[in-house]
Amino acid sequence: MKVKTDNTAQGRGGRSFARKLTVEMPAETLTALKIHAAQRQTTVRQIVTRLVAAEIEKTGEQG
């Protein structure tokens, strides 16, 4: 029997397993983010991932 490890485990929906990050934000901000995601037919996860990647790329260009 094959055992799932952190490298081979699959999360829900067939996404690759990722470590979790919890971010606290004001309730109004979270509500606005959920509405923003729904209007664009995407997920909060995808929006946050894109924003973080863009910020890291921007920081790299400044350095």
Protein backbone atom coordinates (compact mmCIF):
# COMPACT_ATOMS: atom_id res chain seq x y z
CA MET A 1 0.00 0.00 0.00
CA LYS A 2 1.36 3.40 -1.01
CA VAL A 3 1.57 5.91 1.84
CA LYS A 4 0.85 9.57 1.24
CA THR A 5 3.54 11.97 2.40
CA ASP A 6 3.65 15.76 2.43
CA ASN A 7 5.15 15.57 -1.07
CA THR A 8 2.56 13.23 -2.58
CA ALA A 9 -0.65 14.03 -0.70
CA GLN A 10 -3.45 15.62 -2.68
CA GLY A 11 -5.84 18.11 -1.13
CA ARG A 12 -9.53 18.40 -1.89
CA GLY A 13 -10.38 18.93 -5.54
CA GLY A 14 -7.14 17.32 -6.74
CA ARG A 15 -5.07 20.34 -5.78
CA SER A 16 -1.58 19.60 -4.58
CA PHE A 17 -1.26 19.64 -0.82
CA ALA A 18 -0.03 22.93 0.58
CA ARG A 19 0.79 24.12 4.05
CA LYS A 20 -1.90 26.32 5.52
CA LEU A 21 -1.70 29.98 6.38
CA THR A 22 -4.26 31.72 8.55
CA VAL A 23 -4.72 35.46 8.20
CA GLU A 24 -6.97 37.51 10.42
CA MET A 25 -8.70 40.51 8.87
CA PRO A 26 -11.68 42.68 9.67
CA ALA A 27 -15.02 41.00 8.92
CA GLU A 28 -15.93 43.72 6.42
CA THR A 29 -12.72 43.13 4.47
CA LEU A 30 -13.31 39.39 4.32
CA THR A 31 -16.88 39.91 3.15
CA ALA A 32 -15.71 42.31 0.43
CA LEU A 33 -13.02 39.81 -0.63
CA LYS A 34 -15.57 36.99 -0.90
CA ILE A 35 -17.89 39.19 -2.97
CA HIS A 36 -14.96 40.25 -5.18
CA ALA A 37 -14.04 36.60 -5.76
CA ALA A 38 -17.63 35.56 -6.51
CA GLN A 39 -18.11 38.40 -9.01
CA ARG A 40 -15.02 37.22 -10.87
CA GLN A 41 -15.95 33.54 -10.57
CA THR A 42 -12.71 32.73 -8.80
CA THR A 43 -11.68 31.82 -5.25
CA VAL A 44 -10.25 33.78 -2.37
CA ARG A 45 -7.30 31.37 -2.50
CA GLN A 46 -6.56 32.26 -6.14
CA ILE A 47 -6.82 36.01 -5.49
CA VAL A 48 -4.54 35.88 -2.47
CA THR A 49 -2.02 33.64 -4.24
CA ARG A 50 -1.84 36.02 -7.22
CA LEU A 51 -1.48 39.08 -5.00
CA VAL A 52 1.30 37.51 -2.92
CA ALA A 53 3.16 36.36 -6.05
CA ALA A 54 2.86 39.84 -7.59
CA GLU A 55 4.14 41.47 -4.40
CA ILE A 56 7.11 39.11 -4.22
CA GLU A 57 7.92 39.77 -7.88
CA LYS A 58 7.62 43.52 -7.34
CA THR A 59 9.93 43.35 -4.33
CA GLY A 60 12.47 41.37 -6.36
CA GLU A 61 12.52 44.05 -9.06
CA GLN A 62 13.23 46.79 -6.49
CA GLY A 63 16.13 44.94 -4.84
